[in-house]
Amino acid sequence: MVRIWIAGGGTGGHVYPGLAVLQALRETVPVEPLYVGGPGSVEERLAGRAGLRFVGVPAGGVHGLAPWQVAWNLIKLARGFLAALRLGRRERPQALFVTGGYASVPVALAAWALRAPILLYLPDIEPGLAVRFIARLATRVAVTTEDSRPFFPTGKAVVTGYPVRPEFVGLVRASAREGLGLRADEPVVLVLGGSHGARSINRAVTEGLEGLLEEAQVVHVSGELDWPWVAERAERLGTELRSRYHPYAYLHEEMGMALAAADLAVSRAGASILGELPCFGLPAVLVPYPHAWRYQRVNAEWLAARGAAVVLEDG
């Protein structure tokens, strides 16, 4: 039985690759997995849905913060490292699979201190601060595309592609539309607010909803934060338009069907777009989140340069 830790999160695009790799690993060797991440986080919720044991450790980011916030978060990172180290001395992990995000830094430090091999996976095109730091500790680095390899020491990175969820494989449009209650012969626009919600996208879609629904069916995944007013907006539609509008707070197992059913996606440009959109050959209008580090813009421009997307500015 291989004792493996998984770390990484903050968004579903960083959690789902770890879950996909774990599922593939389980088909090869017996494993005893433990997900280690931020308390009350996206990774805790998704790990719980997957039936995984989860342990939370303190952590905090440092990018773009005021000096006092950086100092406080460095203290949290130190506390997280000590908590992960104590956990590791009890659990004795034999390997760590990590996908980045600030919550994964103390876990990677603990695994390194315990001399457990670390496999780092970069789901985005360009690494952020956490991934750049963890890469120094990692045994190997897996990347989605060849364009990511130069960010790491020569010989350390291997191009693997994005590990999509196994349930995505084999989905076809006709059965996906039937499963979601969509009409088979009319176009479908999939609007993705992300795991946290993208308010500007959600607002733009709902403000022009009647006109959009005259042209296409809409599957709208708003994210939990905006769900109350998105649901209320749906209730104000007339009967015919309401039958063409399919809003959800979040999709888990059904996300593959939504991607397979769609003709066009409107989305932020988080890590998952590099695997999930190409998996279904789905063109997209991408709106990178403007108030964070540049990784979403890099992801979006990478797909746009290959004719797979167009990029719009937020606002």
C-alpha atoms as a PDB file:
ATOM      1  CA  MET A   1       0.000   0.000   0.000  1.00  0.00           C
ATOM      2  CA  VAL A   2       1.543   3.279  -1.155  1.00  0.00           C
ATOM      3  CA  ARG A   3       0.926   6.163   1.240  1.00  0.00           C
ATOM      4  CA  ILE A   4       0.494   9.184  -1.024  1.00  0.00           C
ATOM      5  CA  TRP A   5      -0.313  12.756  -0.150  1.00  0.00           C
ATOM      6  CA  ILE A   6      -2.078  15.136  -2.531  1.00  0.00           C
ATOM      7  CA  ALA A   7      -1.871  18.906  -2.145  1.00  0.00           C
ATOM      8  CA  GLY A   8      -2.858  21.909  -4.185  1.00  0.00           C
ATOM      9  CA  GLY A   9      -5.980  23.941  -4.595  1.00  0.00           C
ATOM     10  CA  GLY A  10      -7.667  27.269  -4.292  1.00  0.00           C
ATOM     11  CA  THR A  11      -9.653  26.488  -7.459  1.00  0.00           C
ATOM     12  CA  GLY A  12     -11.201  23.393  -9.002  1.00  0.00           C
ATOM     13  CA  GLY A  13      -8.683  23.636 -11.845  1.00  0.00           C
ATOM     14  CA  HIS A  14      -5.931  22.798  -9.378  1.00  0.00           C
ATOM     15  CA  VAL A  15      -7.849  20.126  -7.452  1.00  0.00           C
ATOM     16  CA  TYR A  16      -9.297  18.012 -10.248  1.00  0.00           C
ATOM     17  CA  PRO A  17      -5.911  17.081 -11.798  1.00  0.00           C
ATOM     18  CA  GLY A  18      -4.859  15.608  -8.457  1.00  0.00           C
ATOM     19  CA  LEU A  19      -8.081  13.617  -8.218  1.00  0.00           C
ATOM     20  CA  ALA A  20      -7.689  12.398 -11.824  1.00  0.00           C
ATOM     21  CA  VAL A  21      -4.104  11.272 -11.206  1.00  0.00           C
ATOM     22  CA  LEU A  22      -5.154   9.506  -8.016  1.00  0.00           C
ATOM     23  CA  GLN A  23      -7.915   7.646  -9.841  1.00  0.00           C
ATOM     24  CA  ALA A  24      -5.453   6.491 -12.507  1.00  0.00           C
ATOM     25  CA  LEU A  25      -2.942   5.491  -9.842  1.00  0.00           C
ATOM     26  CA  ARG A  26      -5.551   3.397  -8.055  1.00  0.00           C
ATOM     27  CA  GLU A  27      -5.943   1.322 -11.205  1.00  0.00           C
ATOM     28  CA  THR A  28      -2.231   0.480 -11.076  1.00  0.00           C
ATOM     29  CA  VAL A  29      -1.223   0.049  -7.429  1.00  0.00           C
ATOM     30  CA  PRO A  30      -2.958  -0.059  -4.029  1.00  0.00           C
ATOM     31  CA  VAL A  31      -2.788   3.424  -2.498  1.00  0.00           C
ATOM     32  CA  GLU A  32      -3.611   5.055   0.817  1.00  0.00           C
ATOM     33  CA  PRO A  33      -4.303   8.696  -0.117  1.00  0.00           C
ATOM     34  CA  LEU A  34      -4.523  11.766   2.090  1.00  0.00           C
ATOM     35  CA  TYR A  35      -5.432  15.217   0.790  1.00  0.00           C
ATOM     36  CA  VAL A  36      -3.702  18.018   2.714  1.00  0.00           C
ATOM     37  CA  GLY A  37      -4.831  21.588   2.084  1.00  0.00           C
ATOM     38  CA  GLY A  38      -6.397  24.742   3.448  1.00  0.00           C
ATOM     39  CA  PRO A  39      -9.182  24.430   6.039  1.00  0.00           C
ATOM     40  CA  GLY A  40     -12.618  25.299   4.649  1.00  0.00           C
ATOM     41  CA  SER A  41     -11.227  25.414   1.115  1.00  0.00           C
ATOM     42  CA  VAL A  42     -12.348  24.298  -2.334  1.00  0.00           C
ATOM     43  CA  GLU A  43      -9.979  21.341  -2.036  1.00  0.00           C
ATOM     44  CA  GLU A  44     -11.570  20.258   1.243  1.00  0.00           C
ATOM     45  CA  ARG A  45     -15.043  20.255  -0.317  1.00  0.00           C
ATOM     46  CA  LEU A  46     -13.960  18.424  -3.475  1.00  0.00           C
ATOM     47  CA  ALA A  47     -11.827  15.896  -1.599  1.00  0.00           C
ATOM     48  CA  GLY A  48     -14.814  15.167   0.631  1.00  0.00           C
ATOM     49  CA  ARG A  49     -17.043  14.579  -2.405  1.00  0.00           C
ATOM     50  CA  ALA A  50     -14.414  12.162  -3.724  1.00  0.00           C
ATOM     51  CA  GLY A  51     -14.453  10.237  -0.443  1.00  0.00           C
ATOM     52  CA  LEU A  52     -10.889  11.175   0.493  1.00  0.00           C
ATOM     53  CA  ARG A  53      -9.549  11.746   3.958  1.00  0.00           C
ATOM     54  CA  PHE A  54      -8.604  15.411   4.321  1.00  0.00           C
ATOM     55  CA  VAL A  55      -6.446  17.282   6.815  1.00  0.00           C
ATOM     56  CA  GLY A  56      -6.300  21.078   6.874  1.00  0.00           C
ATOM     57  CA  VAL A  57      -3.137  23.050   7.629  1.00  0.00           C
ATOM     58  CA  PRO A  58      -2.754  26.854   7.928  1.00  0.00           C
ATOM     59  CA  ALA A  59      -1.404  28.756   4.929  1.00  0.00           C
ATOM     60  CA  GLY A  60      -1.508  32.184   3.326  1.00  0.00           C
ATOM     61  CA  GLY A  61      -0.444  33.815   0.081  1.00  0.00           C
ATOM     62  CA  VAL A  62       2.094  36.627  -0.257  1.00  0.00           C
ATOM     63  CA  HIS A  63       1.578  37.982  -3.788  1.00  0.00           C
ATOM     64  CA  GLY A  64       0.121  41.480  -4.114  1.00  0.00           C
ATOM     65  CA  LEU A  65      -0.496  42.022  -0.393  1.00  0.00           C
ATOM     66  CA  ALA A  66       0.340  44.838   1.997  1.00  0.00           C
ATOM     67  CA  PRO A  67       3.526  44.309   4.062  1.00  0.00           C
ATOM     68  CA  TRP A  68       1.606  43.583   7.260  1.00  0.00           C
ATOM     69  CA  GLN A  69      -0.496  40.973   5.426  1.00  0.00           C
ATOM     70  CA  VAL A  70       2.642  39.357   4.010  1.00  0.00           C
ATOM     71  CA  ALA A  71       4.163  39.173   7.493  1.00  0.00           C
ATOM     72  CA  TRP A  72       1.017  37.590   8.930  1.00  0.00           C
ATOM     73  CA  ASN A  73       0.762  35.071   6.108  1.00  0.00           C
ATOM     74  CA  LEU A  74       4.412  34.098   6.494  1.00  0.00           C
ATOM     75  CA  ILE A  75       3.599  33.277  10.115  1.00  0.00           C
ATOM     76  CA  LYS A  76       0.654  31.187   8.903  1.00  0.00           C
ATOM     77  CA  LEU A  77       2.934  29.388   6.435  1.00  0.00           C
ATOM     78  CA  ALA A  78       5.371  28.597   9.239  1.00  0.00           C
ATOM     79  CA  ARG A  79       2.536  27.259  11.379  1.00  0.00           C
ATOM     80  CA  GLY A  80       1.312  25.242   8.407  1.00  0.00           C
ATOM     81  CA  PHE A  81       4.753  23.747   7.868  1.00  0.00           C
ATOM     82  CA  LEU A  82       4.992  22.654  11.514  1.00  0.00           C
ATOM     83  CA  ALA A  83       1.478  21.177  11.387  1.00  0.00           C
ATOM     84  CA  ALA A  84       2.241  19.310   8.143  1.00  0.00           C
ATOM     85  CA  LEU A  85       5.556  18.092   9.553  1.00  0.00           C
ATOM     86  CA  ARG A  86       3.869  16.694  12.672  1.00  0.00           C
ATOM     87  CA  LEU A  87       1.273  15.047  10.458  1.00  0.00           C
ATOM     88  CA  GLY A  88       3.981  13.611   8.217  1.00  0.00           C
ATOM     89  CA  ARG A  89       5.883  12.119  11.117  1.00  0.00           C
ATOM     90  CA  ARG A  90       2.716  10.252  12.083  1.00  0.00           C
ATOM     91  CA  GLU A  91       1.570   9.296   8.591  1.00  0.00           C
ATOM     92  CA  ARG A  92       4.961   8.745   6.888  1.00  0.00           C
ATOM     93  CA  PRO A  93       3.965   9.663   3.303  1.00  0.00           C
ATOM     94  CA  GLN A  94       5.923   7.859   0.606  1.00  0.00           C
ATOM     95  CA  ALA A  95       5.215  10.468  -2.081  1.00  0.00           C
ATOM     96  CA  LEU A  96       3.536  13.846  -2.607  1.00  0.00           C
ATOM     97  CA  PHE A  97       1.629  14.888  -5.727  1.00  0.00           C
ATOM     98  CA  VAL A  98       1.195  18.663  -5.682  1.00  0.00           C
ATOM     99  CA  THR A  99      -0.445  21.094  -8.108  1.00  0.00           C
ATOM    100  CA  GLY A 100       0.463  24.465  -6.611  1.00  0.00           C
ATOM    101  CA  GLY A 101      -1.381  27.200  -4.786  1.00  0.00           C
ATOM    102  CA  TYR A 102      -0.167  28.820  -1.585  1.00  0.00           C
ATOM    103  CA  ALA A 103      -1.807  26.161   0.616  1.00  0.00           C
ATOM    104  CA  SER A 104       0.485  23.540  -0.908  1.00  0.00           C
ATOM    105  CA  VAL A 105       3.727  25.286   0.126  1.00  0.00           C
ATOM    106  CA  PRO A 106       3.853  24.107   3.775  1.00  0.00           C
ATOM    107  CA  VAL A 107       2.869  20.603   2.674  1.00  0.00           C
ATOM    108  CA  ALA A 108       5.677  20.473   0.110  1.00  0.00           C
ATOM    109  CA  LEU A 109       8.174  21.761   2.667  1.00  0.00           C
ATOM    110  CA  ALA A 110       7.131  19.038   5.108  1.00  0.00           C
ATOM    111  CA  ALA A 111       7.370  16.307   2.454  1.00  0.00           C
ATOM    112  CA  TRP A 112      10.830  17.569   1.477  1.00  0.00           C
ATOM    113  CA  ALA A 113      11.952  17.587   5.125  1.00  0.00           C
ATOM    114  CA  LEU A 114      10.716  13.995   5.450  1.00  0.00           C
ATOM    115  CA  ARG A 115      12.586  13.044   2.237  1.00  0.00           C
ATOM    116  CA  ALA A 116       9.420  11.962   0.450  1.00  0.00           C
ATOM    117  CA  PRO A 117       9.633  12.252  -3.365  1.00  0.00           C
ATOM    118  CA  ILE A 118       7.655  15.210  -4.705  1.00  0.00           C
ATOM    119  CA  LEU A 119       5.968  15.249  -8.112  1.00  0.00           C
ATOM    120  CA  LEU A 120       4.873  18.781  -8.961  1.00  0.00           C
ATOM    121  CA  TYR A 121       2.300  19.335 -11.700  1.00  0.00           C
ATOM    122  CA  LEU A 122       1.826  22.781 -13.281  1.00  0.00           C
ATOM    123  CA  PRO A 123      -1.710  23.033 -14.733  1.00  0.00           C
ATOM    124  CA  ASP A 124      -1.195  26.585 -16.066  1.00  0.00           C
ATOM    125  CA  ILE A 125       1.189  27.737 -18.787  1.00  0.00           C
ATOM    126  CA  GLU A 126       3.318  29.933 -16.547  1.00  0.00           C
ATOM    127  CA  PRO A 127       4.205  29.097 -12.923  1.00  0.00           C
ATOM    128  CA  GLY A 128       3.330  31.401 -10.053  1.00  0.00           C
ATOM    129  CA  LEU A 129       5.359  32.011  -6.917  1.00  0.00           C
ATOM    130  CA  ALA A 130       4.200  28.856  -5.126  1.00  0.00           C
ATOM    131  CA  VAL A 131       5.016  26.567  -8.052  1.00  0.00           C
ATOM    132  CA  ARG A 132       8.400  28.231  -8.635  1.00  0.00           C
ATOM    133  CA  PHE A 133       9.278  27.662  -4.992  1.00  0.00           C
ATOM    134  CA  ILE A 134       8.025  24.069  -4.845  1.00  0.00           C
ATOM    135  CA  ALA A 135       9.910  23.268  -8.072  1.00  0.00           C
ATOM    136  CA  ARG A 136      13.157  23.692  -6.134  1.00  0.00           C
ATOM    137  CA  LEU A 137      12.073  20.890  -3.796  1.00  0.00           C
ATOM    138  CA  ALA A 138      10.455  18.629  -6.384  1.00  0.00           C
ATOM    139  CA  THR A 139      11.903  15.406  -7.732  1.00  0.00           C
ATOM    140  CA  ARG A 140      10.192  15.939 -11.104  1.00  0.00           C
ATOM    141  CA  VAL A 141       7.893  18.556 -12.599  1.00  0.00           C
ATOM    142  CA  ALA A 142       5.058  17.633 -14.965  1.00  0.00           C
ATOM    143  CA  VAL A 143       3.764  20.356 -17.295  1.00  0.00           C
ATOM    144  CA  THR A 144       0.775  20.726 -19.588  1.00  0.00           C
ATOM    145  CA  THR A 145       2.615  22.034 -22.656  1.00  0.00           C
ATOM    146  CA  GLU A 146       6.098  22.293 -24.094  1.00  0.00           C
ATOM    147  CA  ASP A 147       5.952  26.070 -23.568  1.00  0.00           C
ATOM    148  CA  SER A 148       6.115  25.573 -19.793  1.00  0.00           C
ATOM    149  CA  ARG A 149       9.315  23.530 -19.795  1.00  0.00           C
ATOM    150  CA  PRO A 150      11.757  26.518 -19.978  1.00  0.00           C
ATOM    151  CA  PHE A 151      10.556  27.807 -16.595  1.00  0.00           C
ATOM    152  CA  PHE A 152      12.226  24.862 -14.857  1.00  0.00           C
ATOM    153  CA  PRO A 153      15.790  23.503 -14.630  1.00  0.00           C
ATOM    154  CA  THR A 154      16.963  21.517 -17.648  1.00  0.00           C
ATOM    155  CA  GLY A 155      15.937  17.886 -17.432  1.00  0.00           C
ATOM    156  CA  LYS A 156      13.534  18.348 -14.519  1.00  0.00           C
ATOM    157  CA  ALA A 157      10.289  18.935 -16.419  1.00  0.00           C
ATOM    158  CA  VAL A 158       8.337  16.431 -18.499  1.00  0.00           C
ATOM    159  CA  VAL A 159       5.373  17.282 -20.747  1.00  0.00           C
ATOM    160  CA  THR A 160       2.367  15.170 -19.757  1.00  0.00           C
ATOM    161  CA  GLY A 161      -0.650  17.218 -20.815  1.00  0.00           C
ATOM    162  CA  TYR A 162      -3.529  18.072 -18.499  1.00  0.00           C
ATOM    163  CA  PRO A 163      -4.977  15.037 -16.657  1.00  0.00           C
ATOM    164  CA  VAL A 164      -8.701  15.377 -17.303  1.00  0.00           C
ATOM    165  CA  ARG A 165     -11.253  13.549 -15.234  1.00  0.00           C
ATOM    166  CA  PRO A 166     -11.852   9.971 -16.425  1.00  0.00           C
ATOM    167  CA  GLU A 167     -15.607  10.536 -16.613  1.00  0.00           C
ATOM    168  CA  PHE A 168     -15.015  13.029 -19.457  1.00  0.00           C
ATOM    169  CA  VAL A 169     -13.729  10.310 -21.765  1.00  0.00           C
ATOM    170  CA  GLY A 170     -16.237   8.987 -24.293  1.00  0.00           C
ATOM    171  CA  LEU A 171     -18.942  11.618 -23.762  1.00  0.00           C
ATOM    172  CA  VAL A 172     -20.856  12.544 -26.917  1.00  0.00           C
ATOM    173  CA  ARG A 173     -22.993  15.589 -27.620  1.00  0.00           C
ATOM    174  CA  ALA A 174     -26.337  13.878 -28.212  1.00  0.00           C
ATOM    175  CA  SER A 175     -26.395  11.918 -24.960  1.00  0.00           C
ATOM    176  CA  ALA A 176     -24.941  14.862 -23.012  1.00  0.00           C
ATOM    177  CA  ARG A 177     -27.735  17.157 -24.182  1.00  0.00           C
ATOM    178  CA  GLU A 178     -30.330  14.557 -23.342  1.00  0.00           C
ATOM    179  CA  GLY A 179     -28.822  14.104 -19.880  1.00  0.00           C
ATOM    180  CA  LEU A 180     -29.029  17.845 -19.167  1.00  0.00           C
ATOM    181  CA  GLY A 181     -32.527  18.259 -20.584  1.00  0.00           C
ATOM    182  CA  LEU A 182     -31.344  20.304 -23.580  1.00  0.00           C
ATOM    183  CA  ARG A 183     -32.922  20.316 -27.022  1.00  0.00           C
ATOM    184  CA  ALA A 184     -30.857  18.331 -29.476  1.00  0.00           C
ATOM    185  CA  ASP A 185     -31.143  20.612 -32.515  1.00  0.00           C
ATOM    186  CA  GLU A 186     -30.467  24.078 -31.053  1.00  0.00           C
ATOM    187  CA  PRO A 187     -27.109  25.675 -30.199  1.00  0.00           C
ATOM    188  CA  VAL A 188     -25.853  25.670 -26.617  1.00  0.00           C
ATOM    189  CA  VAL A 189     -23.721  28.327 -24.911  1.00  0.00           C
ATOM    190  CA  LEU A 190     -21.973  27.237 -21.721  1.00  0.00           C
ATOM    191  CA  VAL A 191     -21.199  30.055 -19.276  1.00  0.00           C
ATOM    192  CA  LEU A 192     -18.693  29.158 -16.566  1.00  0.00           C
ATOM    193  CA  GLY A 193     -18.333  31.386 -13.537  1.00  0.00           C
ATOM    194  CA  GLY A 194     -15.662  29.164 -11.980  1.00  0.00           C
ATOM    195  CA  SER A 195     -15.546  27.583  -8.546  1.00  0.00           C
ATOM    196  CA  HIS A 196     -15.691  31.006  -6.834  1.00  0.00           C
ATOM    197  CA  GLY A 197     -17.892  32.764  -9.367  1.00  0.00           C
ATOM    198  CA  ALA A 198     -17.023  35.476 -11.900  1.00  0.00           C
ATOM    199  CA  ARG A 199     -19.336  38.371 -11.123  1.00  0.00           C
ATOM    200  CA  SER A 200     -18.630  40.412 -14.252  1.00  0.00           C
ATOM    201  CA  ILE A 201     -19.389  37.426 -16.501  1.00  0.00           C
ATOM    202  CA  ASN A 202     -22.491  36.516 -14.513  1.00  0.00           C
ATOM    203  CA  ARG A 203     -23.753  40.121 -14.637  1.00  0.00           C
ATOM    204  CA  ALA A 204     -23.128  40.482 -18.373  1.00  0.00           C
ATOM    205  CA  VAL A 205     -24.950  37.243 -19.155  1.00  0.00           C
ATOM    206  CA  THR A 206     -27.963  37.951 -16.959  1.00  0.00           C
ATOM    207  CA  GLU A 207     -28.311  41.550 -18.188  1.00  0.00           C
ATOM    208  CA  GLY A 208     -28.542  40.387 -21.798  1.00  0.00           C
ATOM    209  CA  LEU A 209     -30.216  37.089 -21.032  1.00  0.00           C
ATOM    210  CA  GLU A 210     -33.428  37.443 -23.051  1.00  0.00           C
ATOM    211  CA  GLY A 211     -31.560  38.322 -26.241  1.00  0.00           C
ATOM    212  CA  LEU A 212     -29.077  35.497 -25.740  1.00  0.00           C
ATOM    213  CA  LEU A 213     -31.858  32.982 -25.151  1.00  0.00           C
ATOM    214  CA  GLU A 214     -33.532  34.003 -28.411  1.00  0.00           C
ATOM    215  CA  GLU A 215     -30.404  32.699 -30.170  1.00  0.00           C
ATOM    216  CA  ALA A 216     -29.287  29.728 -28.060  1.00  0.00           C
ATOM    217  CA  GLN A 217     -29.894  27.565 -25.055  1.00  0.00           C
ATOM    218  CA  VAL A 218     -27.740  28.628 -22.114  1.00  0.00           C
ATOM    219  CA  VAL A 219     -26.154  26.425 -19.464  1.00  0.00           C
ATOM    220  CA  HIS A 220     -24.988  28.876 -16.798  1.00  0.00           C
ATOM    221  CA  VAL A 221     -22.713  27.690 -13.977  1.00  0.00           C
ATOM    222  CA  SER A 222     -22.581  30.780 -11.787  1.00  0.00           C
ATOM    223  CA  GLY A 223     -20.501  29.696  -8.796  1.00  0.00           C
ATOM    224  CA  GLU A 224     -21.875  29.634  -5.261  1.00  0.00           C
ATOM    225  CA  LEU A 225     -21.415  33.343  -4.438  1.00  0.00           C
ATOM    226  CA  ASP A 226     -23.670  34.677  -7.193  1.00  0.00           C
ATOM    227  CA  TRP A 227     -26.152  31.822  -7.206  1.00  0.00           C
ATOM    228  CA  PRO A 228     -28.961  33.500  -5.169  1.00  0.00           C
ATOM    229  CA  TRP A 229     -29.485  36.384  -7.582  1.00  0.00           C
ATOM    230  CA  VAL A 230     -28.833  34.234 -10.679  1.00  0.00           C
ATOM    231  CA  ALA A 231     -31.602  31.872  -9.514  1.00  0.00           C
ATOM    232  CA  GLU A 232     -33.874  34.851  -8.843  1.00  0.00           C
ATOM    233  CA  ARG A 233     -33.160  36.194 -12.348  1.00  0.00           C
ATOM    234  CA  ALA A 234     -34.169  32.836 -13.824  1.00  0.00           C
ATOM    235  CA  GLU A 235     -37.527  32.993 -12.059  1.00  0.00           C
ATOM    236  CA  ARG A 236     -38.367  36.278 -13.810  1.00  0.00           C
ATOM    237  CA  LEU A 237     -38.148  34.715 -17.283  1.00  0.00           C
ATOM    238  CA  GLY A 238     -41.223  33.788 -19.255  1.00  0.00           C
ATOM    239  CA  THR A 239     -42.078  30.113 -19.661  1.00  0.00           C
ATOM    240  CA  GLU A 240     -40.512  29.625 -23.101  1.00  0.00           C
ATOM    241  CA  LEU A 241     -37.276  31.442 -22.312  1.00  0.00           C
ATOM    242  CA  ARG A 242     -37.046  29.744 -18.925  1.00  0.00           C
ATOM    243  CA  SER A 243     -37.116  26.360 -20.684  1.00  0.00           C
ATOM    244  CA  ARG A 244     -33.984  27.414 -22.604  1.00  0.00           C
ATOM    245  CA  TYR A 245     -32.071  28.621 -19.537  1.00  0.00           C
ATOM    246  CA  HIS A 246     -30.322  26.041 -17.347  1.00  0.00           C
ATOM    247  CA  PRO A 247     -28.620  27.725 -14.362  1.00  0.00           C
ATOM    248  CA  TYR A 248     -26.554  25.862 -11.765  1.00  0.00           C
ATOM    249  CA  ALA A 249     -24.582  27.017  -8.749  1.00  0.00           C
ATOM    250  CA  TYR A 250     -21.888  24.451  -9.533  1.00  0.00           C
ATOM    251  CA  LEU A 251     -21.483  21.260 -11.509  1.00  0.00           C
ATOM    252  CA  HIS A 252     -19.460  18.301 -10.312  1.00  0.00           C
ATOM    253  CA  GLU A 253     -20.023  14.972 -12.082  1.00  0.00           C
ATOM    254  CA  GLU A 254     -22.209  16.726 -14.695  1.00  0.00           C
ATOM    255  CA  MET A 255     -19.485  19.134 -15.857  1.00  0.00           C
ATOM    256  CA  GLY A 256     -18.323  16.731 -18.546  1.00  0.00           C
ATOM    257  CA  MET A 257     -21.840  16.566 -19.969  1.00  0.00           C
ATOM    258  CA  ALA A 258     -22.059  20.373 -20.017  1.00  0.00           C
ATOM    259  CA  LEU A 259     -18.778  20.644 -21.924  1.00  0.00           C
ATOM    260  CA  ALA A 260     -19.773  17.898 -24.362  1.00  0.00           C
ATOM    261  CA  ALA A 261     -23.181  19.489 -24.967  1.00  0.00           C
ATOM    262  CA  ALA A 262     -21.927  23.006 -25.707  1.00  0.00           C
ATOM    263  CA  ASP A 263     -21.110  24.738 -28.981  1.00  0.00           C
ATOM    264  CA  LEU A 264     -19.345  27.657 -27.285  1.00  0.00           C
ATOM    265  CA  ALA A 265     -18.006  28.395 -23.797  1.00  0.00           C
ATOM    266  CA  VAL A 266     -17.734  31.750 -22.039  1.00  0.00           C
ATOM    267  CA  SER A 267     -15.311  31.492 -19.159  1.00  0.00           C
ATOM    268  CA  ARG A 268     -12.510  32.825 -17.031  1.00  0.00           C
ATOM    269  CA  ALA A 269      -9.098  31.455 -18.012  1.00  0.00           C
ATOM    270  CA  GLY A 270      -8.108  29.353 -15.029  1.00  0.00           C
ATOM    271  CA  ALA A 271      -6.046  26.205 -15.225  1.00  0.00           C
ATOM    272  CA  SER A 272      -8.857  23.859 -16.253  1.00  0.00           C
ATOM    273  CA  ILE A 273      -9.398  25.544 -19.642  1.00  0.00           C
ATOM    274  CA  LEU A 274      -6.096  24.128 -20.897  1.00  0.00           C
ATOM    275  CA  GLY A 275      -7.341  20.579 -20.467  1.00  0.00           C
ATOM    276  CA  GLU A 276     -11.105  20.536 -20.441  1.00  0.00           C
ATOM    277  CA  LEU A 277     -11.860  22.798 -23.423  1.00  0.00           C
ATOM    278  CA  PRO A 278      -9.391  21.036 -25.778  1.00  0.00           C
ATOM    279  CA  CYS A 279     -10.667  17.659 -24.565  1.00  0.00           C
ATOM    280  CA  PHE A 280     -14.022  18.460 -26.184  1.00  0.00           C
ATOM    281  CA  GLY A 281     -12.734  20.661 -29.010  1.00  0.00           C
ATOM    282  CA  LEU A 282     -14.829  23.461 -27.517  1.00  0.00           C
ATOM    283  CA  PRO A 283     -14.133  27.030 -28.722  1.00  0.00           C
ATOM    284  CA  ALA A 284     -14.354  29.737 -26.098  1.00  0.00           C
ATOM    285  CA  VAL A 285     -14.665  33.400 -25.312  1.00  0.00           C
ATOM    286  CA  LEU A 286     -12.220  33.882 -22.439  1.00  0.00           C
ATOM    287  CA  VAL A 287     -12.307  36.770 -19.964  1.00  0.00           C
ATOM    288  CA  PRO A 288      -9.156  36.614 -17.794  1.00  0.00           C
ATOM    289  CA  TYR A 289      -9.565  37.709 -14.193  1.00  0.00           C
ATOM    290  CA  PRO A 290      -7.884  41.149 -14.054  1.00  0.00           C
ATOM    291  CA  HIS A 291      -7.225  41.477 -10.318  1.00  0.00           C
ATOM    292  CA  ALA A 292      -4.676  38.722  -9.824  1.00  0.00           C
ATOM    293  CA  TRP A 293      -1.329  37.589 -11.100  1.00  0.00           C
ATOM    294  CA  ARG A 294      -1.121  37.264 -14.912  1.00  0.00           C
ATOM    295  CA  TYR A 295      -1.494  33.488 -15.252  1.00  0.00           C
ATOM    296  CA  GLN A 296      -5.086  33.667 -16.563  1.00  0.00           C
ATOM    297  CA  ARG A 297      -4.087  36.060 -19.327  1.00  0.00           C
ATOM    298  CA  VAL A 298      -1.185  33.797 -20.319  1.00  0.00           C
ATOM    299  CA  ASN A 299      -3.513  30.782 -20.414  1.00  0.00           C
ATOM    300  CA  ALA A 300      -6.075  32.653 -22.512  1.00  0.00           C
ATOM    301  CA  GLU A 301      -3.535  34.013 -24.979  1.00  0.00           C
ATOM    302  CA  TRP A 302      -1.994  30.554 -25.381  1.00  0.00           C
ATOM    303  CA  LEU A 303      -5.349  29.135 -26.554  1.00  0.00           C
ATOM    304  CA  ALA A 304      -6.124  32.225 -28.636  1.00  0.00           C
ATOM    305  CA  ALA A 305      -2.799  31.934 -30.476  1.00  0.00           C
ATOM    306  CA  ARG A 306      -3.854  28.447 -31.559  1.00  0.00           C
ATOM    307  CA  GLY A 307      -7.257  29.506 -32.855  1.00  0.00           C
ATOM    308  CA  ALA A 308      -9.134  27.895 -29.964  1.00  0.00           C
ATOM    309  CA  ALA A 309     -10.410  31.048 -28.256  1.00  0.00           C
ATOM    310  CA  VAL A 310     -10.891  34.780 -28.400  1.00  0.00           C
ATOM    311  CA  VAL A 311      -9.899  36.947 -25.440  1.00  0.00           C
ATOM    312  CA  LEU A 312     -12.019  39.787 -24.038  1.00  0.00           C
ATOM    313  CA  GLU A 313     -11.050  42.319 -21.390  1.00  0.00           C
ATOM    314  CA  ASP A 314     -13.036  42.257 -18.173  1.00  0.00           C
ATOM    315  CA  GLY A 315     -15.271  45.327 -18.036  1.00  0.00           C
END
